Protein backbone atom coordinates (compact mmCIF):
# COMPACT_ATOMS: atom_id res chain seq x y z
CA MET A 1 69.57 -46.41 9.08
CA ALA A 2 68.36 -43.10 8.08
CA GLY A 3 64.66 -43.81 8.40
CA SER A 4 62.21 -47.29 8.99
CA SER A 5 59.43 -45.68 5.97
CA LEU A 6 60.33 -48.57 4.48
CA ASP A 7 60.58 -50.98 7.39
CA GLY A 8 60.37 -54.57 6.55
CA LYS A 9 58.85 -53.99 2.86
CA VAL A 10 60.65 -56.44 0.05
CA ALA A 11 61.07 -53.91 -2.34
CA LEU A 12 62.45 -54.85 -6.49
CA VAL A 13 64.06 -52.07 -8.48
CA THR A 14 64.62 -52.97 -11.93
CA GLY A 15 67.86 -51.38 -13.81
CA SER A 16 69.08 -50.59 -10.68
CA SER A 17 72.75 -51.39 -11.28
CA ARG A 18 73.77 -47.59 -11.64
CA GLY A 19 71.83 -44.66 -12.29
CA ILE A 20 68.49 -43.47 -11.17
CA GLY A 21 67.81 -47.75 -10.26
CA ALA A 22 70.62 -47.49 -7.96
CA ALA A 23 69.97 -44.48 -6.09
CA ILE A 24 66.57 -45.56 -5.16
CA ALA A 25 67.81 -49.81 -4.22
CA ARG A 26 70.46 -47.25 -1.83
CA LEU A 27 67.31 -44.98 -0.50
CA PHE A 28 64.94 -47.74 0.13
CA ALA A 29 67.51 -50.04 2.37
CA GLN A 30 68.40 -46.36 4.18
CA HIS A 31 64.82 -46.52 5.02
CA GLY A 32 64.30 -50.02 6.14
CA ALA A 33 63.97 -52.14 2.59
CA LYS A 34 65.33 -55.22 2.09
CA VAL A 35 65.94 -55.06 -1.74
CA ALA A 36 66.50 -56.43 -4.37
CA VAL A 37 69.04 -54.90 -7.06
CA HIS A 38 68.51 -56.04 -10.72
CA GLY A 39 70.36 -55.94 -13.87
CA ARG A 40 72.25 -57.52 -15.90
CA ASP A 41 75.99 -56.21 -15.06
CA THR A 42 77.55 -58.02 -12.52
CA LYS A 43 79.94 -56.58 -11.44
CA ALA A 44 77.72 -52.80 -11.25
CA LEU A 45 75.20 -54.82 -9.19
CA ALA A 46 77.86 -56.32 -6.91
CA ALA A 47 79.07 -52.41 -6.05
CA VAL A 48 75.50 -51.04 -5.14
CA CYS A 49 74.57 -54.50 -3.43
CA SER A 50 78.12 -53.08 -1.37
CA ASP A 51 77.30 -49.74 -0.69
CA ILE A 52 74.01 -51.01 0.64
CA GLU A 53 75.68 -53.92 2.86
CA GLY A 54 78.08 -52.07 4.03
CA ALA A 55 75.44 -49.02 5.16
CA GLY A 56 73.73 -52.20 7.02
CA GLY A 57 71.21 -52.69 5.04
CA THR A 58 69.48 -55.91 3.47
CA VAL A 59 70.29 -56.68 -0.47
CA THR A 60 69.98 -59.70 -2.65
CA GLN A 61 71.19 -59.41 -6.60
CA VAL A 62 69.50 -60.75 -9.36
CA VAL A 63 70.18 -60.65 -13.25
CA ALA A 64 67.44 -61.18 -15.75
CA ASP A 65 66.40 -59.61 -19.10
CA VAL A 66 63.42 -57.67 -18.30
CA THR A 67 61.38 -58.59 -22.04
CA LYS A 68 61.55 -62.08 -21.28
CA PHE A 69 58.66 -62.84 -18.86
CA ALA A 70 60.08 -66.67 -18.04
CA GLU A 71 63.20 -65.09 -16.72
CA ILE A 72 61.48 -62.63 -15.00
CA GLU A 73 59.42 -65.14 -13.40
CA ALA A 74 62.56 -66.71 -12.23
CA MET A 75 64.10 -63.66 -10.72
CA ARG A 76 60.86 -63.43 -8.68
CA ARG A 77 61.16 -66.64 -7.42
CA GLN A 78 64.60 -65.80 -6.05
CA ILE A 79 63.77 -62.59 -4.62
CA GLU A 80 60.74 -64.42 -3.00
CA HIS A 81 63.53 -67.24 -1.58
CA ASP A 82 65.99 -64.89 -0.52
CA LEU A 83 64.08 -61.96 0.80
CA GLY A 84 60.15 -62.95 0.73
CA PRO A 85 57.12 -61.74 -1.25
CA ILE A 86 57.53 -58.42 -3.30
CA ASP A 87 55.98 -55.65 -1.22
CA VAL A 88 57.26 -52.89 -3.66
CA LEU A 89 58.07 -52.89 -7.09
CA VAL A 90 59.87 -50.15 -8.91
CA ALA A 91 59.36 -50.72 -12.50
CA ASN A 92 62.37 -48.81 -13.45
CA ALA A 93 64.70 -50.80 -16.38
CA GLY A 94 64.45 -48.99 -19.27
CA GLY A 95 66.17 -46.46 -21.77
CA SER A 96 66.11 -44.82 -25.23
CA PHE A 97 67.39 -46.86 -28.12
CA THR A 98 67.15 -44.67 -30.91
CA ILE A 99 68.56 -41.40 -31.60
CA PRO A 100 66.12 -38.37 -32.33
CA GLY A 101 65.03 -38.22 -36.05
CA PRO A 102 61.76 -37.67 -38.32
CA VAL A 103 59.67 -41.28 -38.45
CA GLU A 104 60.21 -42.49 -41.05
CA GLN A 105 64.27 -42.69 -41.20
CA ILE A 106 63.40 -44.84 -37.83
CA SER A 107 64.45 -48.65 -38.27
CA GLU A 108 61.98 -50.86 -37.32
CA ASP A 109 64.58 -52.51 -35.02
CA GLY A 110 65.08 -49.25 -33.55
CA TRP A 111 61.22 -49.19 -33.13
CA HIS A 112 60.95 -52.29 -31.08
CA ALA A 113 64.28 -51.74 -29.13
CA SER A 114 62.43 -48.68 -27.16
CA ILE A 115 58.97 -50.20 -26.90
CA ASP A 116 60.13 -53.87 -25.88
CA GLY A 117 62.93 -52.52 -23.34
CA ASN A 118 60.61 -49.65 -21.87
CA LEU A 119 56.60 -50.51 -22.08
CA THR A 120 57.21 -54.53 -22.84
CA ALA A 121 59.40 -54.87 -20.22
CA THR A 122 57.19 -52.93 -17.43
CA PHE A 123 54.15 -54.74 -18.60
CA LEU A 124 55.84 -58.00 -18.10
CA THR A 125 57.35 -57.32 -14.85
CA ILE A 126 54.30 -56.20 -13.64
CA LYS A 127 52.07 -59.48 -14.39
CA SER A 128 54.67 -61.02 -12.57
CA VAL A 129 54.35 -59.45 -9.12
CA LEU A 130 50.61 -58.31 -9.40
CA PRO A 131 49.14 -61.60 -9.05
CA GLY A 132 51.33 -62.08 -5.33
CA MET A 133 49.94 -58.48 -4.60
CA LYS A 134 46.39 -59.39 -4.88
CA GLU A 135 46.54 -62.60 -3.27
CA ARG A 136 47.60 -60.45 -0.02
CA ASN A 137 45.42 -57.48 -0.96
CA ALA A 138 48.22 -55.09 -0.70
CA GLY A 139 51.28 -53.75 -2.87
CA ASN A 140 52.77 -50.73 -4.35
CA ILE A 141 53.79 -49.90 -7.99
CA ILE A 142 55.76 -47.45 -9.19
CA THR A 143 56.43 -47.37 -13.04
CA MET A 144 59.57 -44.90 -14.35
CA SER A 145 58.68 -42.42 -17.85
CA SER A 146 59.95 -39.58 -19.12
CA VAL A 147 58.45 -35.93 -20.08
CA ALA A 148 59.47 -37.11 -23.29
CA GLY A 149 55.94 -39.28 -22.62
CA HIS A 150 54.01 -36.25 -22.36
CA ARG A 151 55.82 -33.04 -24.64
CA PRO A 152 55.53 -33.55 -27.80
CA HIS A 153 58.94 -32.06 -29.24
CA PRO A 154 60.34 -31.86 -32.74
CA ARG A 155 63.31 -33.56 -31.46
CA SER A 156 61.94 -36.28 -29.23
CA PRO A 157 63.62 -39.84 -30.37
CA ILE A 158 59.88 -40.69 -30.75
CA PRO A 159 59.81 -44.86 -30.11
CA TYR A 160 61.22 -43.81 -26.75
CA ALA A 161 58.56 -41.57 -26.03
CA ALA A 162 55.26 -43.52 -27.62
CA ALA A 163 57.10 -46.53 -24.92
CA LYS A 164 56.95 -44.18 -22.12
CA ALA A 165 53.43 -42.60 -23.03
CA GLY A 166 52.08 -46.61 -23.17
CA ILE A 167 53.65 -46.92 -19.60
CA GLU A 168 51.70 -43.56 -18.46
CA ILE A 169 48.20 -44.87 -19.56
CA LEU A 170 49.12 -48.64 -18.55
CA THR A 171 49.85 -47.16 -14.94
CA LYS A 172 46.67 -45.17 -14.53
CA ASP A 173 44.40 -48.02 -16.12
CA LEU A 174 46.64 -50.48 -14.21
CA ALA A 175 45.50 -48.13 -10.63
CA THR A 176 41.65 -48.47 -11.29
CA GLN A 177 42.25 -52.50 -11.72
CA ALA A 178 44.36 -52.61 -8.36
CA GLY A 179 43.24 -50.40 -5.97
CA PRO A 180 40.63 -52.71 -5.16
CA TYR A 181 42.88 -55.13 -4.03
CA GLY A 182 44.73 -52.25 -1.70
CA ILE A 183 47.48 -51.70 -4.33
CA ARG A 184 48.52 -48.45 -5.11
CA VAL A 185 50.36 -47.92 -8.80
CA ASN A 186 52.00 -44.38 -9.16
CA CYS A 187 54.37 -43.40 -12.48
CA ILE A 188 57.55 -41.07 -11.87
CA ALA A 189 58.42 -38.99 -15.37
CA PRO A 190 61.56 -37.44 -14.92
CA GLU A 191 63.02 -34.41 -16.89
CA THR A 192 66.75 -34.53 -18.15
CA ILE A 193 68.92 -36.54 -15.13
CA LEU A 194 72.95 -36.11 -14.64
CA THR A 195 73.23 -39.68 -14.01
CA GLU A 196 76.40 -41.10 -14.63
CA ARG A 197 76.05 -41.37 -18.11
CA ASN A 198 74.62 -38.60 -18.81
CA ARG A 199 77.75 -36.35 -17.71
CA GLN A 200 79.54 -37.78 -19.98
CA ARG A 201 77.62 -38.02 -23.36
CA ILE A 202 76.10 -33.96 -22.64
CA PRO A 203 78.35 -31.51 -23.55
CA ASP A 204 78.77 -29.07 -20.90
CA GLU A 205 77.57 -25.94 -23.00
CA GLN A 206 74.55 -28.33 -23.54
CA LYS A 207 74.19 -28.78 -20.19
CA GLN A 208 73.68 -25.25 -19.32
CA ALA A 209 71.10 -24.68 -22.20
CA LEU A 210 69.52 -27.37 -20.83
CA VAL A 211 69.80 -25.56 -17.61
CA ASP A 212 67.61 -22.29 -18.71
CA LEU A 213 65.09 -24.43 -19.43
CA HIS A 214 64.23 -25.13 -16.20
CA SER A 215 62.71 -22.94 -13.20
CA ILE A 216 64.66 -24.00 -10.54
CA ARG A 217 68.41 -23.55 -12.83
CA ARG A 218 70.04 -26.95 -12.52
CA LEU A 219 69.87 -30.08 -13.93
CA GLY A 220 68.22 -33.12 -11.73
CA THR A 221 70.16 -35.79 -10.23
CA PRO A 222 69.21 -39.18 -9.26
CA ASP A 223 68.94 -38.87 -6.14
CA ASP A 224 65.93 -36.06 -6.61
CA VAL A 225 64.08 -39.08 -8.15
CA ALA A 226 64.92 -41.61 -5.18
CA ARG A 227 63.50 -39.12 -3.20
CA ALA A 228 59.92 -39.26 -5.45
CA ALA A 229 60.07 -43.12 -5.26
CA LEU A 230 60.92 -43.14 -1.74
CA PHE A 231 57.26 -40.85 -1.11
CA LEU A 232 55.64 -42.85 -3.68
CA ALA A 233 56.84 -46.13 -1.82
CA SER A 234 55.46 -45.25 1.63
CA GLU A 235 52.36 -44.46 3.82
CA GLU A 236 53.56 -40.62 3.47
CA SER A 237 51.55 -41.15 0.26
CA GLY A 238 48.91 -43.24 1.22
CA TRP A 239 45.77 -42.27 -0.42
CA VAL A 240 47.58 -41.36 -3.66
CA THR A 241 47.08 -43.55 -6.79
CA GLY A 242 47.20 -43.14 -10.74
CA ILE A 243 49.34 -40.26 -11.00
CA VAL A 244 52.43 -39.35 -12.98
CA PHE A 245 54.63 -37.70 -10.91
CA ASP A 246 56.77 -34.88 -12.79
CA VAL A 247 60.17 -34.61 -11.59
CA ALA A 248 61.69 -31.49 -14.22
CA GLY A 249 62.14 -28.86 -11.79
CA GLY A 250 59.74 -26.28 -13.64
CA ALA A 251 59.99 -27.53 -17.16
CA VAL A 252 56.93 -29.03 -17.54
CA MET A 253 53.61 -27.00 -15.93
CA THR A 254 50.32 -28.61 -16.35
């Protein structure tokens, strides 16, 4: 194993069948965590589990619709049975489910899909895991935003951006509530990340244009985000809570 900064910790990473979530799950396992990988694509989940087990890690696979509290509760109970109480939650599940466009052209279904798939899912997952952390007076929660959540742009996918902005204030409010229980709560806000999906759907000429927007002249990778998550999950950041951590290659500076 690469190290032991999370040695023995039980970590749930939602939305970890691919992309950023899978990178976080693999890195946490390399650093000693017992990891629950989550998603609804069982084939993809099995591949991530195989990678972790092949590297000597401990992992369990869970399936749940994170917009439904009953399914999240069942997932939590399974993780507690398989691995133990959850010490670290990375509420990563989400995505953009509407194309950019004028507000009046956004459908109600499109709005609800992004709000529910990001903000509501994050809220419900925290609602399930937080009580146990409070009972143990220890825990670490990492939420996932996007620079879209705090950088206005006329081509922004507005429902997604609004959901991510909601996640950011949820994170900060929760940090103030949970801090006295020994629980840290932080948020990561990536910019353009070359996940498998983005590598396929972003044309090469657009990738170059996006590169030029960054002070560090490349696009981010899932591993870039995973390393930020590892820092926030470990005691290396033991006095850090309530922040939004831009992982953006210099594209956002405040």
